[in-house]
Amino acid sequence: MRLYITCVMIAILAALVTTNSTPRIPDEVDVLANDALVNLIAYDRSHRDANQTCTLRNAAIRRECLIERKKYTNAMLCLMSKPPKLASTDAPGIRNRFDHFVSVHIRQTPAIHATVRPHPFEQALRNECGYDGYQPYWAWNKYAHDPINSPLFDGSDYSLSGNGEYVPHNATPVAPITNVPPGRGGGCVTTGPFKNMSMKLGPVGPTLKILGLKPQPGNGLDYNPRCLRRDISSYVSMRWTKSSDVTGLITNYTDIGSFQDTMQGNLTSDNIGVHGGGHYTIGGDPGGDFYVFPSEPAF
């Protein structure tokens, strides 16, 4: 068991190397994750079921790395090129398979939002577009100080595309008493894999106020082509997605109810939580639209 734990810890330390091979100093989130994994390994070894086929040795791993991110963005572009599986009468604006998932979120927003249901999307990427990885993640805390220049949003081929071009725009209202100051974007995204992406559905509840962008009449499921817009800002990330925010969320709550409530945020107390922080770090359209969020590739 000790050898097994040692091997796993070596793998963890290797994962702390960034995409440009520059060693990254572990922070408090890394330390907490390492401690949790050691505890999980010990628990798994002492509670092993002889008939259990899923183990820590063969469990799927969600990664945050450059090569897998490129495969992931290629698979998303593949979904955007495939025909829809939904009848046009259900959502007239749908033009591709990717839009299908957006339409489901629009129609089920009150029930589906703030839940963890990425599996159908992941399965579509794997089964329909040849993706051989699993749903990757964005370590919010790692890039909270400068999200625009992070590997995720630097506009390179291996990113999730860059910020939007600058256009004058409003502060973003995200809660009754919280407004995010306008950042350096607000316009169309012109770099990276999704620079030519066309949004089809919505807006339903846009927070970005610019000429020509207004809520669709009805349910937001009609055809409304427009560019992907972003207003990436460290104002949000440095207030709600820092390492201290992530570790505090994990260590300060002992029941799932208070953990979930804090993670999702309490808008009446000027706290949008780490979940809301991830969304509103991106902003724009649809990144600032509660109903149409999944049209944003970084969602």
C-alpha atoms as a PDB file:
ATOM      1  CA  MET A   1       0.000   0.000   0.000  1.00  0.00           C
ATOM      2  CA  ARG A   2       2.814   2.412   0.869  1.00  0.00           C
ATOM      3  CA  LEU A   3       4.427   1.832  -2.534  1.00  0.00           C
ATOM      4  CA  TYR A   4       1.070   2.399  -4.255  1.00  0.00           C
ATOM      5  CA  ILE A   5       0.566   5.715  -2.436  1.00  0.00           C
ATOM      6  CA  THR A   6       4.124   6.772  -3.279  1.00  0.00           C
ATOM      7  CA  CYS A   7       3.566   6.074  -6.977  1.00  0.00           C
ATOM      8  CA  VAL A   8       0.336   8.057  -6.964  1.00  0.00           C
ATOM      9  CA  MET A   9       1.994  10.985  -5.190  1.00  0.00           C
ATOM     10  CA  ILE A  10       4.792  11.021  -7.791  1.00  0.00           C
ATOM     11  CA  ALA A  11       2.143  11.214 -10.502  1.00  0.00           C
ATOM     12  CA  ILE A  12       0.474  14.111  -8.689  1.00  0.00           C
ATOM     13  CA  LEU A  13       3.728  16.044  -8.419  1.00  0.00           C
ATOM     14  CA  ALA A  14       4.366  15.454 -12.108  1.00  0.00           C
ATOM     15  CA  ALA A  15       0.953  16.927 -12.852  1.00  0.00           C
ATOM     16  CA  LEU A  16       2.040  20.167 -11.210  1.00  0.00           C
ATOM     17  CA  VAL A  17       4.181  20.928 -14.256  1.00  0.00           C
ATOM     18  CA  THR A  18       2.461  23.493 -16.450  1.00  0.00           C
ATOM     19  CA  THR A  19       1.846  23.188 -20.169  1.00  0.00           C
ATOM     20  CA  ASN A  20       5.092  25.004 -20.991  1.00  0.00           C
ATOM     21  CA  SER A  21       7.080  22.622 -18.735  1.00  0.00           C
ATOM     22  CA  THR A  22       7.807  25.344 -16.174  1.00  0.00           C
ATOM     23  CA  PRO A  23       7.471  23.817 -12.676  1.00  0.00           C
ATOM     24  CA  ARG A  24       4.639  25.350 -10.698  1.00  0.00           C
ATOM     25  CA  ILE A  25       4.922  25.743  -6.938  1.00  0.00           C
ATOM     26  CA  PRO A  26       2.075  23.808  -5.270  1.00  0.00           C
ATOM     27  CA  ASP A  27      -0.439  26.026  -3.493  1.00  0.00           C
ATOM     28  CA  GLU A  28      -2.960  25.307  -0.750  1.00  0.00           C
ATOM     29  CA  VAL A  29      -5.438  23.741  -3.184  1.00  0.00           C
ATOM     30  CA  ASP A  30      -2.788  21.295  -4.424  1.00  0.00           C
ATOM     31  CA  VAL A  31      -1.873  20.365  -0.849  1.00  0.00           C
ATOM     32  CA  LEU A  32      -5.525  19.813   0.037  1.00  0.00           C
ATOM     33  CA  ALA A  33      -6.073  17.710  -3.090  1.00  0.00           C
ATOM     34  CA  ASN A  34      -3.022  15.592  -2.299  1.00  0.00           C
ATOM     35  CA  ASP A  35      -4.215  14.998   1.276  1.00  0.00           C
ATOM     36  CA  ALA A  36      -7.666  14.042   0.007  1.00  0.00           C
ATOM     37  CA  LEU A  37      -6.232  11.579  -2.491  1.00  0.00           C
ATOM     38  CA  VAL A  38      -4.070   9.908   0.141  1.00  0.00           C
ATOM     39  CA  ASN A  39      -7.158   9.543   2.358  1.00  0.00           C
ATOM     40  CA  LEU A  40      -9.157   8.150  -0.555  1.00  0.00           C
ATOM     41  CA  ILE A  41      -6.450   5.610  -1.371  1.00  0.00           C
ATOM     42  CA  ALA A  42      -6.311   4.467   2.252  1.00  0.00           C
ATOM     43  CA  TYR A  43     -10.106   4.197   2.431  1.00  0.00           C
ATOM     44  CA  ASP A  44     -10.266   2.313  -0.863  1.00  0.00           C
ATOM     45  CA  ARG A  45      -7.649  -0.186   0.270  1.00  0.00           C
ATOM     46  CA  SER A  46      -9.422  -0.879   3.569  1.00  0.00           C
ATOM     47  CA  HIS A  47     -12.931  -1.134   2.083  1.00  0.00           C
ATOM     48  CA  ARG A  48     -12.162  -3.011  -1.140  1.00  0.00           C
ATOM     49  CA  ASP A  49     -14.952  -5.223  -2.457  1.00  0.00           C
ATOM     50  CA  ALA A  50     -13.566  -8.309  -4.169  1.00  0.00           C
ATOM     51  CA  ASN A  51     -16.304  -8.045  -6.810  1.00  0.00           C
ATOM     52  CA  GLN A  52     -15.653  -4.377  -7.508  1.00  0.00           C
ATOM     53  CA  THR A  53     -14.428  -3.707 -11.035  1.00  0.00           C
ATOM     54  CA  CYS A  54     -13.985   0.075 -10.804  1.00  0.00           C
ATOM     55  CA  THR A  55     -10.890   0.957  -8.802  1.00  0.00           C
ATOM     56  CA  LEU A  56      -8.547   3.890  -8.386  1.00  0.00           C
ATOM     57  CA  ARG A  57      -6.217   2.178 -10.838  1.00  0.00           C
ATOM     58  CA  ASN A  58      -8.732   2.193 -13.697  1.00  0.00           C
ATOM     59  CA  ALA A  59     -10.973   5.138 -12.787  1.00  0.00           C
ATOM     60  CA  ALA A  60     -11.426   7.832 -15.430  1.00  0.00           C
ATOM     61  CA  ILE A  61      -9.262  10.908 -14.814  1.00  0.00           C
ATOM     62  CA  ARG A  62     -10.362  14.442 -15.594  1.00  0.00           C
ATOM     63  CA  ARG A  63      -7.341  16.515 -16.517  1.00  0.00           C
ATOM     64  CA  GLU A  64      -6.327  20.085 -17.122  1.00  0.00           C
ATOM     65  CA  CYS A  65      -3.588  19.850 -19.708  1.00  0.00           C
ATOM     66  CA  LEU A  66      -2.709  21.303 -23.072  1.00  0.00           C
ATOM     67  CA  ILE A  67      -2.871  18.172 -25.254  1.00  0.00           C
ATOM     68  CA  GLU A  68      -6.193  16.964 -23.881  1.00  0.00           C
ATOM     69  CA  ARG A  69      -7.654  20.469 -24.138  1.00  0.00           C
ATOM     70  CA  LYS A  70      -6.904  20.517 -27.875  1.00  0.00           C
ATOM     71  CA  LYS A  71      -8.622  17.159 -28.313  1.00  0.00           C
ATOM     72  CA  TYR A  72     -11.550  18.529 -26.319  1.00  0.00           C
ATOM     73  CA  THR A  73     -11.959  21.695 -28.396  1.00  0.00           C
ATOM     74  CA  ASN A  74     -11.686  19.642 -31.592  1.00  0.00           C
ATOM     75  CA  ALA A  75     -14.466  17.376 -30.330  1.00  0.00           C
ATOM     76  CA  MET A  76     -16.676  20.371 -29.512  1.00  0.00           C
ATOM     77  CA  LEU A  77     -16.110  21.763 -33.005  1.00  0.00           C
ATOM     78  CA  CYS A  78     -17.056  18.322 -34.310  1.00  0.00           C
ATOM     79  CA  LEU A  79     -20.377  18.458 -32.416  1.00  0.00           C
ATOM     80  CA  MET A  80     -20.984  21.897 -33.897  1.00  0.00           C
ATOM     81  CA  SER A  81     -20.583  20.405 -37.373  1.00  0.00           C
ATOM     82  CA  LYS A  82     -22.997  17.509 -36.838  1.00  0.00           C
ATOM     83  CA  PRO A  83     -26.735  17.679 -37.571  1.00  0.00           C
ATOM     84  CA  PRO A  84     -29.125  18.051 -34.643  1.00  0.00           C
ATOM     85  CA  LYS A  85     -31.049  15.129 -33.183  1.00  0.00           C
ATOM     86  CA  LEU A  86     -34.004  17.222 -32.053  1.00  0.00           C
ATOM     87  CA  ALA A  87     -37.004  17.990 -34.236  1.00  0.00           C
ATOM     88  CA  SER A  88     -36.989  21.594 -35.433  1.00  0.00           C
ATOM     89  CA  THR A  89     -40.488  22.071 -34.017  1.00  0.00           C
ATOM     90  CA  ASP A  90     -39.101  21.583 -30.494  1.00  0.00           C
ATOM     91  CA  ALA A  91     -36.414  24.241 -30.891  1.00  0.00           C
ATOM     92  CA  PRO A  92     -36.563  26.002 -34.295  1.00  0.00           C
ATOM     93  CA  GLY A  93     -33.203  27.699 -33.789  1.00  0.00           C
ATOM     94  CA  ILE A  94     -31.171  24.506 -33.476  1.00  0.00           C
ATOM     95  CA  ARG A  95     -28.725  23.997 -36.328  1.00  0.00           C
ATOM     96  CA  ASN A  96     -26.310  21.387 -34.943  1.00  0.00           C
ATOM     97  CA  ARG A  97     -25.752  18.759 -32.263  1.00  0.00           C
ATOM     98  CA  PHE A  98     -24.063  21.220 -29.892  1.00  0.00           C
ATOM     99  CA  ASP A  99     -27.176  23.422 -29.982  1.00  0.00           C
ATOM    100  CA  HIS A 100     -29.188  20.453 -28.737  1.00  0.00           C
ATOM    101  CA  PHE A 101     -27.511  20.636 -25.319  1.00  0.00           C
ATOM    102  CA  VAL A 102     -27.994  24.401 -25.160  1.00  0.00           C
ATOM    103  CA  SER A 103     -31.714  24.039 -25.851  1.00  0.00           C
ATOM    104  CA  VAL A 104     -32.094  21.503 -23.038  1.00  0.00           C
ATOM    105  CA  HIS A 105     -30.520  23.935 -20.572  1.00  0.00           C
ATOM    106  CA  ILE A 106     -32.707  26.818 -21.757  1.00  0.00           C
ATOM    107  CA  ARG A 107     -35.881  24.799 -21.241  1.00  0.00           C
ATOM    108  CA  GLN A 108     -34.821  23.268 -17.929  1.00  0.00           C
ATOM    109  CA  THR A 109     -32.833  26.124 -16.386  1.00  0.00           C
ATOM    110  CA  PRO A 110     -34.671  26.275 -13.030  1.00  0.00           C
ATOM    111  CA  ALA A 111     -34.154  22.533 -12.494  1.00  0.00           C
ATOM    112  CA  ILE A 112     -30.931  21.731 -14.330  1.00  0.00           C
ATOM    113  CA  HIS A 113     -28.777  24.682 -13.307  1.00  0.00           C
ATOM    114  CA  ALA A 114     -26.587  24.304 -10.207  1.00  0.00           C
ATOM    115  CA  THR A 115     -26.527  20.523 -10.700  1.00  0.00           C
ATOM    116  CA  VAL A 116     -23.722  18.313 -11.976  1.00  0.00           C
ATOM    117  CA  ARG A 117     -24.912  16.664 -15.188  1.00  0.00           C
ATOM    118  CA  PRO A 118     -22.052  16.728 -17.700  1.00  0.00           C
ATOM    119  CA  HIS A 119     -22.214  13.018 -18.505  1.00  0.00           C
ATOM    120  CA  PRO A 120     -24.499  13.147 -21.593  1.00  0.00           C
ATOM    121  CA  PHE A 121     -22.315  15.877 -23.131  1.00  0.00           C
ATOM    122  CA  GLU A 122     -19.151  13.934 -22.365  1.00  0.00           C
ATOM    123  CA  GLN A 123     -20.671  10.799 -23.903  1.00  0.00           C
ATOM    124  CA  ALA A 124     -21.597  12.709 -27.060  1.00  0.00           C
ATOM    125  CA  LEU A 125     -18.007  13.929 -27.388  1.00  0.00           C
ATOM    126  CA  ARG A 126     -16.667  10.408 -26.922  1.00  0.00           C
ATOM    127  CA  ASN A 127     -19.219   8.400 -28.886  1.00  0.00           C
ATOM    128  CA  GLU A 128     -20.008  10.812 -31.715  1.00  0.00           C
ATOM    129  CA  CYS A 129     -16.755  12.721 -32.179  1.00  0.00           C
ATOM    130  CA  GLY A 130     -14.009  10.291 -31.208  1.00  0.00           C
ATOM    131  CA  TYR A 131     -12.858  12.131 -28.084  1.00  0.00           C
ATOM    132  CA  ASP A 132     -10.783   9.702 -26.013  1.00  0.00           C
ATOM    133  CA  GLY A 133     -10.541  11.812 -22.864  1.00  0.00           C
ATOM    134  CA  TYR A 134     -13.053  12.819 -20.221  1.00  0.00           C
ATOM    135  CA  GLN A 135     -14.680  16.123 -19.352  1.00  0.00           C
ATOM    136  CA  PRO A 136     -11.670  18.318 -18.464  1.00  0.00           C
ATOM    137  CA  TYR A 137     -11.799  21.080 -15.913  1.00  0.00           C
ATOM    138  CA  TRP A 138     -10.720  24.655 -15.382  1.00  0.00           C
ATOM    139  CA  ALA A 139      -8.801  25.136 -12.135  1.00  0.00           C
ATOM    140  CA  TRP A 140     -10.297  28.543 -11.342  1.00  0.00           C
ATOM    141  CA  ASN A 141      -7.836  29.319  -8.562  1.00  0.00           C
ATOM    142  CA  LYS A 142      -4.772  28.650 -10.707  1.00  0.00           C
ATOM    143  CA  TYR A 143      -5.429  31.578 -13.044  1.00  0.00           C
ATOM    144  CA  ALA A 144      -7.529  33.865 -10.849  1.00  0.00           C
ATOM    145  CA  HIS A 145      -4.915  36.638 -10.873  1.00  0.00           C
ATOM    146  CA  ASP A 146      -4.809  36.966 -14.671  1.00  0.00           C
ATOM    147  CA  PRO A 147      -7.381  34.853 -16.535  1.00  0.00           C
ATOM    148  CA  ILE A 148      -7.001  36.706 -19.855  1.00  0.00           C
ATOM    149  CA  ASN A 149      -3.362  35.667 -20.212  1.00  0.00           C
ATOM    150  CA  SER A 150      -3.867  32.148 -18.877  1.00  0.00           C
ATOM    151  CA  PRO A 151      -3.412  29.105 -21.154  1.00  0.00           C
ATOM    152  CA  LEU A 152      -7.195  28.783 -21.236  1.00  0.00           C
ATOM    153  CA  PHE A 153      -7.929  32.234 -22.668  1.00  0.00           C
ATOM    154  CA  ASP A 154      -4.733  33.429 -24.337  1.00  0.00           C
ATOM    155  CA  GLY A 155      -6.265  32.940 -27.790  1.00  0.00           C
ATOM    156  CA  SER A 156      -3.812  30.249 -28.899  1.00  0.00           C
ATOM    157  CA  ASP A 157      -4.808  27.104 -30.778  1.00  0.00           C
ATOM    158  CA  TYR A 158      -4.624  25.185 -27.501  1.00  0.00           C
ATOM    159  CA  SER A 159      -6.837  27.620 -25.596  1.00  0.00           C
ATOM    160  CA  LEU A 160     -10.612  27.911 -25.315  1.00  0.00           C
ATOM    161  CA  SER A 161     -10.226  31.068 -27.450  1.00  0.00           C
ATOM    162  CA  GLY A 162      -9.427  34.539 -26.175  1.00  0.00           C
ATOM    163  CA  ASN A 163     -11.239  37.585 -24.877  1.00  0.00           C
ATOM    164  CA  GLY A 164     -13.674  39.548 -27.003  1.00  0.00           C
ATOM    165  CA  GLU A 165     -12.510  42.642 -28.848  1.00  0.00           C
ATOM    166  CA  TYR A 166     -13.101  45.816 -26.897  1.00  0.00           C
ATOM    167  CA  VAL A 167     -16.393  47.612 -27.408  1.00  0.00           C
ATOM    168  CA  PRO A 168     -17.884  50.128 -24.987  1.00  0.00           C
ATOM    169  CA  HIS A 169     -20.347  48.318 -22.731  1.00  0.00           C
ATOM    170  CA  ASN A 170     -22.061  48.301 -19.393  1.00  0.00           C
ATOM    171  CA  ALA A 171     -21.147  46.968 -15.981  1.00  0.00           C
ATOM    172  CA  THR A 172     -22.508  43.438 -15.578  1.00  0.00           C
ATOM    173  CA  PRO A 173     -25.256  42.996 -12.971  1.00  0.00           C
ATOM    174  CA  VAL A 174     -24.841  39.579 -11.349  1.00  0.00           C
ATOM    175  CA  ALA A 175     -26.781  40.145  -8.123  1.00  0.00           C
ATOM    176  CA  PRO A 176     -29.056  42.797  -6.638  1.00  0.00           C
ATOM    177  CA  ILE A 177     -26.063  44.530  -5.043  1.00  0.00           C
ATOM    178  CA  THR A 178     -23.204  43.284  -7.242  1.00  0.00           C
ATOM    179  CA  ASN A 179     -22.100  44.861 -10.508  1.00  0.00           C
ATOM    180  CA  VAL A 180     -18.944  43.779 -12.320  1.00  0.00           C
ATOM    181  CA  PRO A 181     -17.176  46.791 -13.872  1.00  0.00           C
ATOM    182  CA  PRO A 182     -16.803  46.609 -17.661  1.00  0.00           C
ATOM    183  CA  GLY A 183     -13.575  44.949 -18.713  1.00  0.00           C
ATOM    184  CA  ARG A 184     -11.411  45.085 -21.824  1.00  0.00           C
ATOM    185  CA  GLY A 185     -13.731  42.968 -23.987  1.00  0.00           C
ATOM    186  CA  GLY A 186     -17.434  42.879 -24.713  1.00  0.00           C
ATOM    187  CA  GLY A 187     -17.035  42.324 -28.454  1.00  0.00           C
ATOM    188  CA  CYS A 188     -16.689  39.274 -30.686  1.00  0.00           C
ATOM    189  CA  VAL A 189     -14.041  36.635 -29.997  1.00  0.00           C
ATOM    190  CA  THR A 190     -11.542  36.663 -32.883  1.00  0.00           C
ATOM    191  CA  THR A 191      -8.791  34.269 -31.769  1.00  0.00           C
ATOM    192  CA  GLY A 192      -8.474  30.587 -30.960  1.00  0.00           C
ATOM    193  CA  PRO A 193     -10.552  27.540 -31.888  1.00  0.00           C
ATOM    194  CA  PHE A 194     -13.933  29.248 -31.491  1.00  0.00           C
ATOM    195  CA  LYS A 195     -13.212  32.507 -33.294  1.00  0.00           C
ATOM    196  CA  ASN A 196     -15.778  31.678 -36.001  1.00  0.00           C
ATOM    197  CA  MET A 197     -18.384  30.245 -33.666  1.00  0.00           C
ATOM    198  CA  SER A 198     -21.957  31.347 -34.265  1.00  0.00           C
ATOM    199  CA  MET A 199     -24.439  31.388 -31.406  1.00  0.00           C
ATOM    200  CA  LYS A 200     -27.895  30.212 -32.490  1.00  0.00           C
ATOM    201  CA  LEU A 201     -30.212  30.378 -29.468  1.00  0.00           C
ATOM    202  CA  GLY A 202     -31.114  33.157 -27.045  1.00  0.00           C
ATOM    203  CA  PRO A 203     -30.415  35.575 -25.549  1.00  0.00           C
ATOM    204  CA  VAL A 204     -32.973  35.013 -22.796  1.00  0.00           C
ATOM    205  CA  GLY A 205     -31.541  37.040 -19.924  1.00  0.00           C
ATOM    206  CA  PRO A 206     -28.513  38.900 -21.300  1.00  0.00           C
ATOM    207  CA  THR A 207     -26.433  40.969 -18.895  1.00  0.00           C
ATOM    208  CA  LEU A 208     -24.295  42.464 -21.673  1.00  0.00           C
ATOM    209  CA  LYS A 209     -25.960  45.621 -22.974  1.00  0.00           C
ATOM    210  CA  ILE A 210     -24.781  46.583 -26.443  1.00  0.00           C
ATOM    211  CA  LEU A 211     -26.529  47.672 -29.603  1.00  0.00           C
ATOM    212  CA  GLY A 212     -28.456  44.837 -31.243  1.00  0.00           C
ATOM    213  CA  LEU A 213     -28.223  42.378 -28.346  1.00  0.00           C
ATOM    214  CA  LYS A 214     -31.599  41.971 -26.686  1.00  0.00           C
ATOM    215  CA  PRO A 215     -33.709  39.113 -25.316  1.00  0.00           C
ATOM    216  CA  GLN A 216     -35.505  36.972 -27.850  1.00  0.00           C
ATOM    217  CA  PRO A 217     -39.282  37.160 -27.735  1.00  0.00           C
ATOM    218  CA  GLY A 218     -40.778  33.947 -26.402  1.00  0.00           C
ATOM    219  CA  ASN A 219     -38.654  31.136 -25.003  1.00  0.00           C
ATOM    220  CA  GLY A 220     -35.295  31.894 -26.624  1.00  0.00           C
ATOM    221  CA  LEU A 221     -35.321  28.812 -28.857  1.00  0.00           C
ATOM    222  CA  ASP A 222     -35.702  30.579 -32.206  1.00  0.00           C
ATOM    223  CA  TYR A 223     -32.840  31.078 -34.660  1.00  0.00           C
ATOM    224  CA  ASN A 224     -30.767  34.128 -33.776  1.00  0.00           C
ATOM    225  CA  PRO A 225     -27.220  33.900 -35.250  1.00  0.00           C
ATOM    226  CA  ARG A 226     -24.531  36.106 -33.692  1.00  0.00           C
ATOM    227  CA  CYS A 227     -20.898  35.947 -32.637  1.00  0.00           C
ATOM    228  CA  LEU A 228     -19.483  34.656 -29.364  1.00  0.00           C
ATOM    229  CA  ARG A 229     -18.743  37.633 -27.092  1.00  0.00           C
ATOM    230  CA  ARG A 230     -16.603  37.722 -23.955  1.00  0.00           C
ATOM    231  CA  ASP A 231     -15.577  40.237 -21.337  1.00  0.00           C
ATOM    232  CA  ILE A 232     -13.018  38.274 -19.319  1.00  0.00           C
ATOM    233  CA  SER A 233     -12.189  40.019 -16.067  1.00  0.00           C
ATOM    234  CA  SER A 234     -10.014  39.387 -13.026  1.00  0.00           C
ATOM    235  CA  TYR A 235     -12.409  41.562 -11.002  1.00  0.00           C
ATOM    236  CA  VAL A 236     -14.580  38.491 -10.448  1.00  0.00           C
ATOM    237  CA  SER A 237     -11.880  35.824 -10.303  1.00  0.00           C
ATOM    238  CA  MET A 238      -9.825  37.684  -7.692  1.00  0.00           C
ATOM    239  CA  ARG A 239     -12.869  38.050  -5.455  1.00  0.00           C
ATOM    240  CA  TRP A 240     -14.500  34.624  -5.701  1.00  0.00           C
ATOM    241  CA  THR A 241     -12.219  31.979  -7.281  1.00  0.00           C
ATOM    242  CA  LYS A 242      -8.847  32.413  -5.536  1.00  0.00           C
ATOM    243  CA  SER A 243      -7.118  29.471  -3.846  1.00  0.00           C
ATOM    244  CA  SER A 244      -8.331  30.695  -0.456  1.00  0.00           C
ATOM    245  CA  ASP A 245     -11.926  30.714  -1.753  1.00  0.00           C
ATOM    246  CA  VAL A 246     -11.631  27.121  -2.970  1.00  0.00           C
ATOM    247  CA  THR A 247      -9.936  25.755   0.150  1.00  0.00           C
ATOM    248  CA  GLY A 248     -12.287  27.688   2.429  1.00  0.00           C
ATOM    249  CA  LEU A 249     -15.269  26.188   0.657  1.00  0.00           C
ATOM    250  CA  ILE A 250     -13.922  22.666   1.121  1.00  0.00           C
ATOM    251  CA  THR A 251     -12.626  22.941   4.694  1.00  0.00           C
ATOM    252  CA  ASN A 252     -15.188  25.201   6.376  1.00  0.00           C
ATOM    253  CA  TYR A 253     -18.373  23.220   5.687  1.00  0.00           C
ATOM    254  CA  THR A 254     -19.163  19.788   7.075  1.00  0.00           C
ATOM    255  CA  ASP A 255     -22.543  19.126   5.440  1.00  0.00           C
ATOM    256  CA  ILE A 256     -23.491  19.020   1.792  1.00  0.00           C
ATOM    257  CA  GLY A 257     -26.285  21.584   2.152  1.00  0.00           C
ATOM    258  CA  SER A 258     -24.139  24.459   3.421  1.00  0.00           C
ATOM    259  CA  PHE A 259     -21.318  23.458   1.075  1.00  0.00           C
ATOM    260  CA  GLN A 260     -23.653  23.561  -1.924  1.00  0.00           C
ATOM    261  CA  ASP A 261     -25.262  26.846  -0.879  1.00  0.00           C
ATOM    262  CA  THR A 262     -21.882  28.516  -0.439  1.00  0.00           C
ATOM    263  CA  MET A 263     -20.472  27.123  -3.670  1.00  0.00           C
ATOM    264  CA  GLN A 264     -23.491  28.318  -5.667  1.00  0.00           C
ATOM    265  CA  GLY A 265     -23.415  31.714  -3.950  1.00  0.00           C
ATOM    266  CA  ASN A 266     -25.846  33.839  -1.997  1.00  0.00           C
ATOM    267  CA  LEU A 267     -26.765  36.717  -4.246  1.00  0.00           C
ATOM    268  CA  THR A 268     -28.527  38.622  -1.469  1.00  0.00           C
ATOM    269  CA  SER A 269     -25.260  38.843   0.490  1.00  0.00           C
ATOM    270  CA  ASP A 270     -23.014  39.955  -2.373  1.00  0.00           C
ATOM    271  CA  ASN A 271     -21.446  36.505  -2.704  1.00  0.00           C
ATOM    272  CA  ILE A 272     -21.675  34.839  -6.102  1.00  0.00           C
ATOM    273  CA  GLY A 273     -19.633  31.821  -4.970  1.00  0.00           C
ATOM    274  CA  VAL A 274     -16.915  29.958  -6.819  1.00  0.00           C
ATOM    275  CA  HIS A 275     -19.510  28.581  -9.252  1.00  0.00           C
ATOM    276  CA  GLY A 276     -20.824  32.014 -10.176  1.00  0.00           C
ATOM    277  CA  GLY A 277     -17.262  33.288 -10.137  1.00  0.00           C
ATOM    278  CA  GLY A 278     -16.348  30.901 -12.920  1.00  0.00           C
ATOM    279  CA  HIS A 279     -19.269  32.063 -15.044  1.00  0.00           C
ATOM    280  CA  TYR A 280     -18.855  35.785 -14.561  1.00  0.00           C
ATOM    281  CA  THR A 281     -15.097  35.732 -14.997  1.00  0.00           C
ATOM    282  CA  ILE A 282     -16.006  35.150 -18.665  1.00  0.00           C
ATOM    283  CA  GLY A 283     -19.092  37.361 -18.953  1.00  0.00           C
ATOM    284  CA  GLY A 284     -20.279  38.522 -22.356  1.00  0.00           C
ATOM    285  CA  ASP A 285     -22.856  36.687 -24.464  1.00  0.00           C
ATOM    286  CA  PRO A 286     -23.792  33.990 -23.661  1.00  0.00           C
ATOM    287  CA  GLY A 287     -21.398  33.803 -20.691  1.00  0.00           C
ATOM    288  CA  GLY A 288     -23.466  36.333 -18.777  1.00  0.00           C
ATOM    289  CA  ASP A 289     -26.859  34.811 -19.647  1.00  0.00           C
ATOM    290  CA  PHE A 290     -28.149  32.483 -16.920  1.00  0.00           C
ATOM    291  CA  TYR A 291     -30.282  30.545 -19.409  1.00  0.00           C
ATOM    292  CA  VAL A 292     -27.909  30.259 -22.374  1.00  0.00           C
ATOM    293  CA  PHE A 293     -24.618  29.698 -20.476  1.00  0.00           C
ATOM    294  CA  PRO A 294     -23.893  26.329 -22.193  1.00  0.00           C
ATOM    295  CA  SER A 295     -23.438  28.047 -25.566  1.00  0.00           C
ATOM    296  CA  GLU A 296     -20.160  29.339 -24.092  1.00  0.00           C
ATOM    297  CA  PRO A 297     -17.450  26.726 -24.883  1.00  0.00           C
ATOM    298  CA  ALA A 298     -15.753  27.364 -21.534  1.00  0.00           C
ATOM    299  CA  PHE A 299     -18.991  26.546 -19.697  1.00  0.00           C
END
